[in-house]
Amino acid sequence: MSQFRAKRLDISGFINPRVIRDHTKRKVVEQYEPERQALRYIIRNTSLPQRMRAQAQLQLSQMHAYTRPTQIKNRCVAGGIARSVFRDFRMARYQFRLHALAGELPGVKKASW
């Protein structure tokens, strides 16, 4: 993991290590996505020789786990919680409620009828 972590983080206000790890995973997945797509294309292309396809499969399996998009988990950027996270805001429901009531989320207001 330390091979992927930036020397300086470009997002300030990290609260816990899980948020830092999530941020690192997102950046690494974004960086390696073209390479992974190319390898997957080679593996699925049946017109290529079997040896080349097997080598591509081996390369893909030997890539670091952080390069896989399945490693990314929706996590609250405010508290680092992984449960009940709204995708649009990347916040857990409690943090969302606090920020919405404080008026810090544009376009969000308390429903009343």
PDB file of N, CA and C in Angstrom:
ATOM      1  N   MET A   1       0.809  -1.180   0.000  1.00  0.00           N
ATOM      2  CA  MET A   1       0.000   0.000   0.000  1.00  0.00           C
ATOM      3  C   MET A   1       0.858   1.252   0.000  1.00  0.00           C
ATOM      4  N   SER A   2       1.965   1.231   0.704  1.00  0.00           N
ATOM      5  CA  SER A   2       2.794   2.428   0.804  1.00  0.00           C
ATOM      6  C   SER A   2       3.378   2.818  -0.551  1.00  0.00           C
ATOM      7  N   GLN A   3       3.474   1.858  -1.468  1.00  0.00           N
ATOM      8  CA  GLN A   3       3.998   2.193  -2.790  1.00  0.00           C
ATOM      9  C   GLN A   3       3.036   3.078  -3.564  1.00  0.00           C
ATOM     10  N   PHE A   4       1.751   3.063  -3.220  1.00  0.00           N
ATOM     11  CA  PHE A   4       0.763   3.858  -3.922  1.00  0.00           C
ATOM     12  C   PHE A   4       0.467   5.183  -3.239  1.00  0.00           C
ATOM     13  N   ARG A   5       0.705   5.265  -1.928  1.00  0.00           N
ATOM     14  CA  ARG A   5       0.332   6.467  -1.194  1.00  0.00           C
ATOM     15  C   ARG A   5       1.196   7.652  -1.614  1.00  0.00           C
ATOM     16  N   ALA A   6       0.553   8.778  -1.838  1.00  0.00           N
ATOM     17  CA  ALA A   6       1.254   9.989  -2.235  1.00  0.00           C
ATOM     18  C   ALA A   6       2.035  10.545  -1.042  1.00  0.00           C
ATOM     19  N   LYS A   7       3.117  11.244  -1.342  1.00  0.00           N
ATOM     20  CA  LYS A   7       3.911  11.847  -0.278  1.00  0.00           C
ATOM     21  C   LYS A   7       3.123  12.969   0.390  1.00  0.00           C
ATOM     22  N   ARG A   8       2.395  13.725  -0.441  1.00  0.00           N
ATOM     23  CA  ARG A   8       1.508  14.766   0.086  1.00  0.00           C
ATOM     24  C   ARG A   8       0.111  14.469  -0.397  1.00  0.00           C
ATOM     25  N   LEU A   9      -0.855  14.480   0.483  1.00  0.00           N
ATOM     26  CA  LEU A   9      -2.238  14.216   0.119  1.00  0.00           C
ATOM     27  C   LEU A   9      -2.878  15.493  -0.391  1.00  0.00           C
ATOM     28  N   ASP A  10      -3.669  15.360  -1.465  1.00  0.00           N
ATOM     29  CA  ASP A  10      -4.264  16.541  -2.069  1.00  0.00           C
ATOM     30  C   ASP A  10      -5.619  16.911  -1.478  1.00  0.00           C
ATOM     31  N   ILE A  11      -6.097  16.154  -0.503  1.00  0.00           N
ATOM     32  CA  ILE A  11      -7.349  16.487   0.170  1.00  0.00           C
ATOM     33  C   ILE A  11      -7.022  16.746   1.626  1.00  0.00           C
ATOM     34  N   SER A  12      -7.468  17.895   2.110  1.00  0.00           N
ATOM     35  CA  SER A  12      -7.164  18.236   3.506  1.00  0.00           C
ATOM     36  C   SER A  12      -8.309  17.806   4.416  1.00  0.00           C
ATOM     37  N   GLY A  13      -8.037  17.709   5.682  1.00  0.00           N
ATOM     38  CA  GLY A  13      -9.061  17.414   6.670  1.00  0.00           C
ATOM     39  C   GLY A  13      -9.382  15.939   6.830  1.00  0.00           C
ATOM     40  N   PHE A  14      -8.442  15.055   6.548  1.00  0.00           N
ATOM     41  CA  PHE A  14      -8.690  13.642   6.761  1.00  0.00           C
ATOM     42  C   PHE A  14      -8.906  13.381   8.241  1.00  0.00           C
ATOM     43  N   ILE A  15      -9.858  12.519   8.541  1.00  0.00           N
ATOM     44  CA  ILE A  15     -10.180  12.266   9.936  1.00  0.00           C
ATOM     45  C   ILE A  15      -9.571  10.958  10.416  1.00  0.00           C
ATOM     46  N   ASN A  16      -9.695   9.899   9.605  1.00  0.00           N
ATOM     47  CA  ASN A  16      -9.133   8.634  10.067  1.00  0.00           C
ATOM     48  C   ASN A  16      -8.438   7.895   8.925  1.00  0.00           C
ATOM     49  N   PRO A  17      -7.656   6.902   9.248  1.00  0.00           N
ATOM     50  CA  PRO A  17      -6.858   6.198   8.235  1.00  0.00           C
ATOM     51  C   PRO A  17      -7.687   5.515   7.164  1.00  0.00           C
ATOM     52  N   ARG A  18      -8.929   5.135   7.482  1.00  0.00           N
ATOM     53  CA  ARG A  18      -9.762   4.474   6.487  1.00  0.00           C
ATOM     54  C   ARG A  18     -10.091   5.409   5.327  1.00  0.00           C
ATOM     55  N   VAL A  19     -10.285   6.675   5.622  1.00  0.00           N
ATOM     56  CA  VAL A  19     -10.579   7.658   4.588  1.00  0.00           C
ATOM     57  C   VAL A  19      -9.346   7.850   3.708  1.00  0.00           C
ATOM     58  N   ILE A  20      -8.182   7.873   4.311  1.00  0.00           N
ATOM     59  CA  ILE A  20      -6.936   7.999   3.555  1.00  0.00           C
ATOM     60  C   ILE A  20      -6.765   6.785   2.642  1.00  0.00           C
ATOM     61  N   ARG A  21      -7.023   5.582   3.172  1.00  0.00           N
ATOM     62  CA  ARG A  21      -6.900   4.361   2.388  1.00  0.00           C
ATOM     63  C   ARG A  21      -7.891   4.355   1.227  1.00  0.00           C
ATOM     64  N   ASP A  22      -9.109   4.800   1.493  1.00  0.00           N
ATOM     65  CA  ASP A  22     -10.130   4.868   0.448  1.00  0.00           C
ATOM     66  C   ASP A  22      -9.708   5.838  -0.647  1.00  0.00           C
ATOM     67  N   HIS A  23      -9.178   6.978  -0.251  1.00  0.00           N
ATOM     68  CA  HIS A  23      -8.715   7.969  -1.218  1.00  0.00           C
ATOM     69  C   HIS A  23      -7.580   7.401  -2.068  1.00  0.00           C
ATOM     70  N   THR A  24      -6.654   6.703  -1.422  1.00  0.00           N
ATOM     71  CA  THR A  24      -5.534   6.081  -2.139  1.00  0.00           C
ATOM     72  C   THR A  24      -6.037   5.060  -3.145  1.00  0.00           C
ATOM     73  N   LYS A  25      -6.971   4.211  -2.726  1.00  0.00           N
ATOM     74  CA  LYS A  25      -7.512   3.184  -3.619  1.00  0.00           C
ATOM     75  C   LYS A  25      -8.183   3.812  -4.828  1.00  0.00           C
ATOM     76  N   ARG A  26      -8.956   4.876  -4.612  1.00  0.00           N
ATOM     77  CA  ARG A  26      -9.648   5.528  -5.721  1.00  0.00           C
ATOM     78  C   ARG A  26      -8.666   6.085  -6.742  1.00  0.00           C
ATOM     79  N   LYS A  27      -7.605   6.695  -6.271  1.00  0.00           N
ATOM     80  CA  LYS A  27      -6.608   7.266  -7.190  1.00  0.00           C
ATOM     81  C   LYS A  27      -5.868   6.171  -7.959  1.00  0.00           C
ATOM     82  N   VAL A  28      -5.527   5.079  -7.289  1.00  0.00           N
ATOM     83  CA  VAL A  28      -4.793   3.991  -7.923  1.00  0.00           C
ATOM     84  C   VAL A  28      -5.665   3.289  -8.969  1.00  0.00           C
ATOM     85  N   VAL A  29      -6.938   3.066  -8.650  1.00  0.00           N
ATOM     86  CA  VAL A  29      -7.851   2.435  -9.611  1.00  0.00           C
ATOM     87  C   VAL A  29      -7.972   3.298 -10.849  1.00  0.00           C
ATOM     88  N   GLU A  30      -8.101   4.599 -10.656  1.00  0.00           N
ATOM     89  CA  GLU A  30      -8.210   5.523 -11.782  1.00  0.00           C
ATOM     90  C   GLU A  30      -6.940   5.500 -12.637  1.00  0.00           C
ATOM     91  N   GLN A  31      -5.805   5.404 -12.003  1.00  0.00           N
ATOM     92  CA  GLN A  31      -4.517   5.418 -12.705  1.00  0.00           C
ATOM     93  C   GLN A  31      -4.307   4.151 -13.532  1.00  0.00           C
ATOM     94  N   TYR A  32      -4.693   2.987 -12.996  1.00  0.00           N
ATOM     95  CA  TYR A  32      -4.418   1.710 -13.648  1.00  0.00           C
ATOM     96  C   TYR A  32      -5.571   1.189 -14.506  1.00  0.00           C
ATOM     97  N   GLU A  33      -6.689   1.900 -14.559  1.00  0.00           N
ATOM     98  CA  GLU A  33      -7.849   1.409 -15.297  1.00  0.00           C
ATOM     99  C   GLU A  33      -7.576   1.157 -16.785  1.00  0.00           C
ATOM    100  N   PRO A  34      -6.880   2.049 -17.524  1.00  0.00           N
ATOM    101  CA  PRO A  34      -6.612   1.755 -18.951  1.00  0.00           C
ATOM    102  C   PRO A  34      -5.803   0.471 -19.166  1.00  0.00           C
ATOM    103  N   GLU A  35      -4.819   0.244 -18.308  1.00  0.00           N
ATOM    104  CA  GLU A  35      -3.994  -0.962 -18.417  1.00  0.00           C
ATOM    105  C   GLU A  35      -4.827  -2.217 -18.158  1.00  0.00           C
ATOM    106  N   ARG A  36      -5.682  -2.158 -17.143  1.00  0.00           N
ATOM    107  CA  ARG A  36      -6.549  -3.301 -16.832  1.00  0.00           C
ATOM    108  C   ARG A  36      -7.531  -3.567 -17.971  1.00  0.00           C
ATOM    109  N   GLN A  37      -8.083  -2.520 -18.564  1.00  0.00           N
ATOM    110  CA  GLN A  37      -9.015  -2.691 -19.673  1.00  0.00           C
ATOM    111  C   GLN A  37      -8.331  -3.339 -20.865  1.00  0.00           C
ATOM    112  N   ALA A  38      -7.101  -2.914 -21.158  1.00  0.00           N
ATOM    113  CA  ALA A  38      -6.354  -3.490 -22.276  1.00  0.00           C
ATOM    114  C   ALA A  38      -6.100  -4.984 -22.041  1.00  0.00           C
ATOM    115  N   LEU A  39      -5.691  -5.333 -20.829  1.00  0.00           N
ATOM    116  CA  LEU A  39      -5.440  -6.742 -20.521  1.00  0.00           C
ATOM    117  C   LEU A  39      -6.722  -7.571 -20.609  1.00  0.00           C
ATOM    118  N   ARG A  40      -7.834  -7.023 -20.133  1.00  0.00           N
ATOM    119  CA  ARG A  40      -9.108  -7.743 -20.220  1.00  0.00           C
ATOM    120  C   ARG A  40      -9.539  -7.931 -21.666  1.00  0.00           C
ATOM    121  N   TYR A  41      -9.265  -6.941 -22.507  1.00  0.00           N
ATOM    122  CA  TYR A  41      -9.589  -7.057 -23.927  1.00  0.00           C
ATOM    123  C   TYR A  41      -8.784  -8.183 -24.571  1.00  0.00           C
ATOM    124  N   ILE A  42      -7.502  -8.251 -24.251  1.00  0.00           N
ATOM    125  CA  ILE A  42      -6.633  -9.302 -24.806  1.00  0.00           C
ATOM    126  C   ILE A  42      -7.117 -10.677 -24.343  1.00  0.00           C
ATOM    127  N   ILE A  43      -7.476 -10.796 -23.080  1.00  0.00           N
ATOM    128  CA  ILE A  43      -7.933 -12.081 -22.541  1.00  0.00           C
ATOM    129  C   ILE A  43      -9.197 -12.548 -23.238  1.00  0.00           C
ATOM    130  N   ARG A  44     -10.111 -11.641 -23.518  1.00  0.00           N
ATOM    131  CA  ARG A  44     -11.398 -12.024 -24.114  1.00  0.00           C
ATOM    132  C   ARG A  44     -11.370 -12.166 -25.633  1.00  0.00           C
ATOM    133  N   ASN A  45     -10.315 -11.683 -26.271  1.00  0.00           N
ATOM    134  CA  ASN A  45     -10.229 -11.733 -27.733  1.00  0.00           C
ATOM    135  C   ASN A  45      -9.816 -13.145 -28.169  1.00  0.00           C
ATOM    136  N   THR A  46     -10.756 -13.898 -28.730  1.00  0.00           N
ATOM    137  CA  THR A  46     -10.495 -15.286 -29.094  1.00  0.00           C
ATOM    138  C   THR A  46      -9.682 -15.424 -30.374  1.00  0.00           C
ATOM    139  N   SER A  47      -9.525 -14.343 -31.128  1.00  0.00           N
ATOM    140  CA  SER A  47      -8.741 -14.426 -32.368  1.00  0.00           C
ATOM    141  C   SER A  47      -7.230 -14.357 -32.095  1.00  0.00           C
ATOM    142  N   LEU A  48      -6.846 -13.980 -30.902  1.00  0.00           N
ATOM    143  CA  LEU A  48      -5.422 -13.923 -30.544  1.00  0.00           C
ATOM    144  C   LEU A  48      -4.932 -15.309 -30.133  1.00  0.00           C
ATOM    145  N   PRO A  49      -3.610 -15.547 -30.230  1.00  0.00           N
ATOM    146  CA  PRO A  49      -3.066 -16.848 -29.808  1.00  0.00           C
ATOM    147  C   PRO A  49      -3.300 -17.109 -28.311  1.00  0.00           C
ATOM    148  N   GLN A  50      -3.465 -18.364 -27.986  1.00  0.00           N
ATOM    149  CA  GLN A  50      -3.751 -18.767 -26.607  1.00  0.00           C
ATOM    150  C   GLN A  50      -2.623 -18.368 -25.661  1.00  0.00           C
ATOM    151  N   ARG A  51      -1.395 -18.433 -26.128  1.00  0.00           N
ATOM    152  CA  ARG A  51      -0.246 -18.094 -25.285  1.00  0.00           C
ATOM    153  C   ARG A  51      -0.281 -16.617 -24.871  1.00  0.00           C
ATOM    154  N   MET A  52      -0.605 -15.743 -25.812  1.00  0.00           N
ATOM    155  CA  MET A  52      -0.673 -14.318 -25.525  1.00  0.00           C
ATOM    156  C   MET A  52      -1.802 -14.027 -24.530  1.00  0.00           C
ATOM    157  N   ARG A  53      -2.925 -14.699 -24.698  1.00  0.00           N
ATOM    158  CA  ARG A  53      -4.057 -14.515 -23.794  1.00  0.00           C
ATOM    159  C   ARG A  53      -3.717 -15.001 -22.391  1.00  0.00           C
ATOM    160  N   ALA A  54      -2.986 -16.107 -22.297  1.00  0.00           N
ATOM    161  CA  ALA A  54      -2.594 -16.641 -20.993  1.00  0.00           C
ATOM    162  C   ALA A  54      -1.612 -15.699 -20.295  1.00  0.00           C
ATOM    163  N   GLN A  55      -0.695 -15.102 -21.068  1.00  0.00           N
ATOM    164  CA  GLN A  55       0.247 -14.145 -20.478  1.00  0.00           C
ATOM    165  C   GLN A  55      -0.477 -12.910 -19.958  1.00  0.00           C
ATOM    166  N   ALA A  56      -1.472 -12.441 -20.706  1.00  0.00           N
ATOM    167  CA  ALA A  56      -2.256 -11.286 -20.270  1.00  0.00           C
ATOM    168  C   ALA A  56      -3.023 -11.618 -18.992  1.00  0.00           C
ATOM    169  N   GLN A  57      -3.556 -12.837 -18.919  1.00  0.00           N
ATOM    170  CA  GLN A  57      -4.287 -13.249 -17.722  1.00  0.00           C
ATOM    171  C   GLN A  57      -3.356 -13.317 -16.511  1.00  0.00           C
ATOM    172  N   LEU A  58      -2.150 -13.793 -16.730  1.00  0.00           N
ATOM    173  CA  LEU A  58      -1.167 -13.860 -15.650  1.00  0.00           C
ATOM    174  C   LEU A  58      -0.787 -12.455 -15.180  1.00  0.00           C
ATOM    175  N   GLN A  59      -0.574 -11.542 -16.136  1.00  0.00           N
ATOM    176  CA  GLN A  59      -0.249 -10.154 -15.776  1.00  0.00           C
ATOM    177  C   GLN A  59      -1.364  -9.517 -14.965  1.00  0.00           C
ATOM    178  N   LEU A  60      -2.595  -9.750 -15.401  1.00  0.00           N
ATOM    179  CA  LEU A  60      -3.744  -9.169 -14.714  1.00  0.00           C
ATOM    180  C   LEU A  60      -3.876  -9.711 -13.297  1.00  0.00           C
ATOM    181  N   SER A  61      -3.637 -11.002 -13.126  1.00  0.00           N
ATOM    182  CA  SER A  61      -3.766 -11.593 -11.795  1.00  0.00           C
ATOM    183  C   SER A  61      -2.631 -11.167 -10.869  1.00  0.00           C
ATOM    184  N   GLN A  62      -1.490 -10.754 -11.430  1.00  0.00           N
ATOM    185  CA  GLN A  62      -0.364 -10.348 -10.597  1.00  0.00           C
ATOM    186  C   GLN A  62      -0.372  -8.857 -10.247  1.00  0.00           C
ATOM    187  N   MET A  63      -1.336  -8.119 -10.792  1.00  0.00           N
ATOM    188  CA  MET A  63      -1.426  -6.700 -10.451  1.00  0.00           C
ATOM    189  C   MET A  63      -1.865  -6.553  -8.992  1.00  0.00           C
ATOM    190  N   HIS A  64      -1.487  -5.466  -8.389  1.00  0.00           N
ATOM    191  CA  HIS A  64      -1.799  -5.219  -6.983  1.00  0.00           C
ATOM    192  C   HIS A  64      -3.308  -5.155  -6.772  1.00  0.00           C
ATOM    193  N   ALA A  65      -3.753  -5.531  -5.595  1.00  0.00           N
ATOM    194  CA  ALA A  65      -5.187  -5.555  -5.287  1.00  0.00           C
ATOM    195  C   ALA A  65      -5.806  -4.162  -5.355  1.00  0.00           C
ATOM    196  N   TYR A  66      -5.037  -3.127  -5.048  1.00  0.00           N
ATOM    197  CA  TYR A  66      -5.577  -1.768  -5.055  1.00  0.00           C
ATOM    198  C   TYR A  66      -5.919  -1.282  -6.463  1.00  0.00           C
ATOM    199  N   THR A  67      -5.490  -2.010  -7.489  1.00  0.00           N
ATOM    200  CA  THR A  67      -5.815  -1.602  -8.855  1.00  0.00           C
ATOM    201  C   THR A  67      -7.184  -2.110  -9.291  1.00  0.00           C
ATOM    202  N   ARG A  68      -7.812  -2.949  -8.459  1.00  0.00           N
ATOM    203  CA  ARG A  68      -9.133  -3.491  -8.799  1.00  0.00           C
ATOM    204  C   ARG A  68     -10.234  -2.528  -8.370  1.00  0.00           C
ATOM    205  N   PRO A  69     -11.215  -2.293  -9.245  1.00  0.00           N
ATOM    206  CA  PRO A  69     -12.307  -1.398  -8.852  1.00  0.00           C
ATOM    207  C   PRO A  69     -13.186  -1.972  -7.750  1.00  0.00           C
ATOM    208  N   THR A  70     -13.163  -3.277  -7.537  1.00  0.00           N
ATOM    209  CA  THR A  70     -13.981  -3.869  -6.478  1.00  0.00           C
ATOM    210  C   THR A  70     -13.438  -3.552  -5.090  1.00  0.00           C
ATOM    211  N   GLN A  71     -12.214  -3.038  -5.012  1.00  0.00           N
ATOM    212  CA  GLN A  71     -11.626  -2.693  -3.721  1.00  0.00           C
ATOM    213  C   GLN A  71     -12.194  -1.391  -3.161  1.00  0.00           C
ATOM    214  N   ILE A  72     -12.836  -0.597  -4.027  1.00  0.00           N
ATOM    215  CA  ILE A  72     -13.376   0.687  -3.585  1.00  0.00           C
ATOM    216  C   ILE A  72     -14.676   0.464  -2.830  1.00  0.00           C
ATOM    217  N   LYS A  73     -14.780   1.090  -1.682  1.00  0.00           N
ATOM    218  CA  LYS A  73     -15.995   1.011  -0.877  1.00  0.00           C
ATOM    219  C   LYS A  73     -16.503   2.426  -0.655  1.00  0.00           C
ATOM    220  N   ASN A  74     -17.825   2.583  -0.757  1.00  0.00           N
ATOM    221  CA  ASN A  74     -18.389   3.895  -0.479  1.00  0.00           C
ATOM    222  C   ASN A  74     -18.193   4.198   1.002  1.00  0.00           C
ATOM    223  N   ARG A  75     -17.501   5.285   1.271  1.00  0.00           N
ATOM    224  CA  ARG A  75     -17.165   5.646   2.639  1.00  0.00           C
ATOM    225  C   ARG A  75     -17.434   7.130   2.836  1.00  0.00           C
ATOM    226  N   CYS A  76     -17.935   7.491   3.988  1.00  0.00           N
ATOM    227  CA  CYS A  76     -18.249   8.884   4.302  1.00  0.00           C
ATOM    228  C   CYS A  76     -16.957   9.698   4.357  1.00  0.00           C
ATOM    229  N   VAL A  77     -16.914  10.804   3.617  1.00  0.00           N
ATOM    230  CA  VAL A  77     -15.714  11.639   3.623  1.00  0.00           C
ATOM    231  C   VAL A  77     -15.607  12.448   4.904  1.00  0.00           C
ATOM    232  N   ALA A  78     -16.713  12.632   5.596  1.00  0.00           N
ATOM    233  CA  ALA A  78     -16.689  13.421   6.826  1.00  0.00           C
ATOM    234  C   ALA A  78     -16.289  12.589   8.042  1.00  0.00           C
ATOM    235  N   GLY A  79     -16.768  11.333   8.108  1.00  0.00           N
ATOM    236  CA  GLY A  79     -16.502  10.552   9.302  1.00  0.00           C
ATOM    237  C   GLY A  79     -15.802   9.231   9.067  1.00  0.00           C
ATOM    238  N   GLY A  80     -15.709   8.794   7.829  1.00  0.00           N
ATOM    239  CA  GLY A  80     -15.047   7.534   7.523  1.00  0.00           C
ATOM    240  C   GLY A  80     -15.933   6.319   7.684  1.00  0.00           C
ATOM    241  N   ILE A  81     -17.217   6.521   7.958  1.00  0.00           N
ATOM    242  CA  ILE A  81     -18.147   5.412   8.161  1.00  0.00           C
ATOM    243  C   ILE A  81     -18.491   4.785   6.816  1.00  0.00           C
ATOM    244  N   ALA A  82     -18.663   3.458   6.783  1.00  0.00           N
ATOM    245  CA  ALA A  82     -18.936   2.768   5.534  1.00  0.00           C
ATOM    246  C   ALA A  82     -20.403   2.361   5.393  1.00  0.00           C
ATOM    247  N   ARG A  83     -21.216   2.643   6.378  1.00  0.00           N
ATOM    248  CA  ARG A  83     -22.625   2.241   6.316  1.00  0.00           C
ATOM    249  C   ARG A  83     -23.520   3.441   6.055  1.00  0.00           C
ATOM    250  N   SER A  84     -24.600   3.171   5.344  1.00  0.00           N
ATOM    251  CA  SER A  84     -25.636   4.158   5.017  1.00  0.00           C
ATOM    252  C   SER A  84     -25.046   5.437   4.437  1.00  0.00           C
ATOM    253  N   VAL A  85     -24.250   5.279   3.384  1.00  0.00           N
ATOM    254  CA  VAL A  85     -23.605   6.411   2.720  1.00  0.00           C
ATOM    255  C   VAL A  85     -24.415   6.795   1.491  1.00  0.00           C
ATOM    256  N   PHE A  86     -24.790   8.075   1.391  1.00  0.00           N
ATOM    257  CA  PHE A  86     -25.462   8.585   0.197  1.00  0.00           C
ATOM    258  C   PHE A  86     -24.411   8.792  -0.884  1.00  0.00           C
ATOM    259  N   ARG A  87     -24.604   8.150  -2.033  1.00  0.00           N
ATOM    260  CA  ARG A  87     -23.611   8.228  -3.103  1.00  0.00           C
ATOM    261  C   ARG A  87     -23.440   9.642  -3.638  1.00  0.00           C
ATOM    262  N   ASP A  88     -24.549  10.348  -3.788  1.00  0.00           N
ATOM    263  CA  ASP A  88     -24.487  11.681  -4.381  1.00  0.00           C
ATOM    264  C   ASP A  88     -23.648  12.648  -3.552  1.00  0.00           C
ATOM    265  N   PHE A  89     -23.664  12.488  -2.253  1.00  0.00           N
ATOM    266  CA  PHE A  89     -22.957  13.414  -1.370  1.00  0.00           C
ATOM    267  C   PHE A  89     -21.728  12.798  -0.720  1.00  0.00           C
ATOM    268  N   ARG A  90     -21.584  11.470  -0.826  1.00  0.00           N
ATOM    269  CA  ARG A  90     -20.499  10.716  -0.189  1.00  0.00           C
ATOM    270  C   ARG A  90     -20.445  11.001   1.316  1.00  0.00           C
ATOM    271  N   MET A  91     -21.636  11.000   1.940  1.00  0.00           N
ATOM    272  CA  MET A  91     -21.747  11.215   3.375  1.00  0.00           C
ATOM    273  C   MET A  91     -22.679  10.201   3.994  1.00  0.00           C
ATOM    274  N   ALA A  92     -22.375   9.819   5.215  1.00  0.00           N
ATOM    275  CA  ALA A  92     -23.270   8.950   5.975  1.00  0.00           C
ATOM    276  C   ALA A  92     -24.505   9.751   6.359  1.00  0.00           C
ATOM    277  N   ARG A  93     -25.573   9.044   6.690  1.00  0.00           N
ATOM    278  CA  ARG A  93     -26.849   9.737   6.904  1.00  0.00           C
ATOM    279  C   ARG A  93     -26.795  10.738   8.053  1.00  0.00           C
ATOM    280  N   TYR A  94     -26.052  10.440   9.103  1.00  0.00           N
ATOM    281  CA  TYR A  94     -25.983  11.375  10.228  1.00  0.00           C
ATOM    282  C   TYR A  94     -25.216  12.638   9.843  1.00  0.00           C
ATOM    283  N   GLN A  95     -24.079  12.473   9.185  1.00  0.00           N
ATOM    284  CA  GLN A  95     -23.303  13.626   8.727  1.00  0.00           C
ATOM    285  C   GLN A  95     -24.103  14.439   7.717  1.00  0.00           C
ATOM    286  N   PHE A  96     -24.840  13.727   6.851  1.00  0.00           N
ATOM    287  CA  PHE A  96     -25.689  14.399   5.870  1.00  0.00           C
ATOM    288  C   PHE A  96     -26.717  15.268   6.586  1.00  0.00           C
ATOM    289  N   ARG A  97     -27.331  14.728   7.622  1.00  0.00           N
ATOM    290  CA  ARG A  97     -28.350  15.466   8.368  1.00  0.00           C
ATOM    291  C   ARG A  97     -27.751  16.710   9.019  1.00  0.00           C
ATOM    292  N   LEU A  98     -26.573  16.556   9.634  1.00  0.00           N
ATOM    293  CA  LEU A  98     -25.932  17.697  10.275  1.00  0.00           C
ATOM    294  C   LEU A  98     -25.596  18.795   9.274  1.00  0.00           C
ATOM    295  N   HIS A  99     -25.018  18.406   8.140  1.00  0.00           N
ATOM    296  CA  HIS A  99     -24.634  19.388   7.123  1.00  0.00           C
ATOM    297  C   HIS A  99     -25.853  20.032   6.470  1.00  0.00           C
ATOM    298  N   ALA A 100     -26.903  19.250   6.259  1.00  0.00           N
ATOM    299  CA  ALA A 100     -28.117  19.781   5.643  1.00  0.00           C
ATOM    300  C   ALA A 100     -28.803  20.780   6.570  1.00  0.00           C
ATOM    301  N   LEU A 101     -28.889  20.455   7.864  1.00  0.00           N
ATOM    302  CA  LEU A 101     -29.522  21.371   8.812  1.00  0.00           C
ATOM    303  C   LEU A 101     -28.711  22.651   8.997  1.00  0.00           C
ATOM    304  N   ALA A 102     -27.402  22.550   8.818  1.00  0.00           N
ATOM    305  CA  ALA A 102     -26.542  23.730   8.926  1.00  0.00           C
ATOM    306  C   ALA A 102     -26.563  24.557   7.639  1.00  0.00           C
ATOM    307  N   GLY A 103     -27.195  24.021   6.590  1.00  0.00           N
ATOM    308  CA  GLY A 103     -27.279  24.741   5.316  1.00  0.00           C
ATOM    309  C   GLY A 103     -26.012  24.676   4.497  1.00  0.00           C
ATOM    310  N   GLU A 104     -25.183  23.650   4.711  1.00  0.00           N
ATOM    311  CA  GLU A 104     -23.901  23.533   4.007  1.00  0.00           C
ATOM    312  C   GLU A 104     -23.990  22.723   2.725  1.00  0.00           C
ATOM    313  N   LEU A 105     -25.163  22.133   2.450  1.00  0.00           N
ATOM    314  CA  LEU A 105     -25.352  21.346   1.239  1.00  0.00           C
ATOM    315  C   LEU A 105     -26.268  22.102   0.283  1.00  0.00           C
ATOM    316  N   PRO A 106     -25.764  22.499  -0.872  1.00  0.00           N
ATOM    317  CA  PRO A 106     -26.601  23.262  -1.792  1.00  0.00           C
ATOM    318  C   PRO A 106     -27.741  22.420  -2.367  1.00  0.00           C
ATOM    319  N   GLY A 107     -28.924  22.998  -2.416  1.00  0.00           N
ATOM    320  CA  GLY A 107     -30.075  22.313  -2.996  1.00  0.00           C
ATOM    321  C   GLY A 107     -30.783  21.365  -2.062  1.00  0.00           C
ATOM    322  N   VAL A 108     -30.338  21.272  -0.821  1.00  0.00           N
ATOM    323  CA  VAL A 108     -30.966  20.360   0.139  1.00  0.00           C
ATOM    324  C   VAL A 108     -31.658  21.188   1.211  1.00  0.00           C
ATOM    325  N   LYS A 109     -32.941  20.921   1.412  1.00  0.00           N
ATOM    326  CA  LYS A 109     -33.634  21.589   2.514  1.00  0.00           C
ATOM    327  C   LYS A 109     -34.544  20.591   3.194  1.00  0.00           C
ATOM    328  N   LYS A 110     -34.869  20.880   4.403  1.00  0.00           N
ATOM    329  CA  LYS A 110     -35.683  19.967   5.217  1.00  0.00           C
ATOM    330  C   LYS A 110     -37.097  19.907   4.657  1.00  0.00           C
ATOM    331  N   ALA A 111     -37.588  18.701   4.517  1.00  0.00           N
ATOM    332  CA  ALA A 111     -38.951  18.519   4.013  1.00  0.00           C
ATOM    333  C   ALA A 111     -39.946  18.828   5.111  1.00  0.00           C
ATOM    334  N   SER A 112     -41.005  19.529   4.746  1.00  0.00           N
ATOM    335  CA  SER A 112     -42.081  19.773   5.706  1.00  0.00           C
ATOM    336  C   SER A 112     -43.396  19.849   4.940  1.00  0.00           C
ATOM    337  N   TRP A 113     -44.386  19.152   5.426  1.00  0.00           N
ATOM    338  CA  TRP A 113     -45.674  19.171   4.740  1.00  0.00           C
ATOM    339  C   TRP A 113     -46.799  19.118   5.740  1.00  0.00           C
TER     340      TRP A 113
END
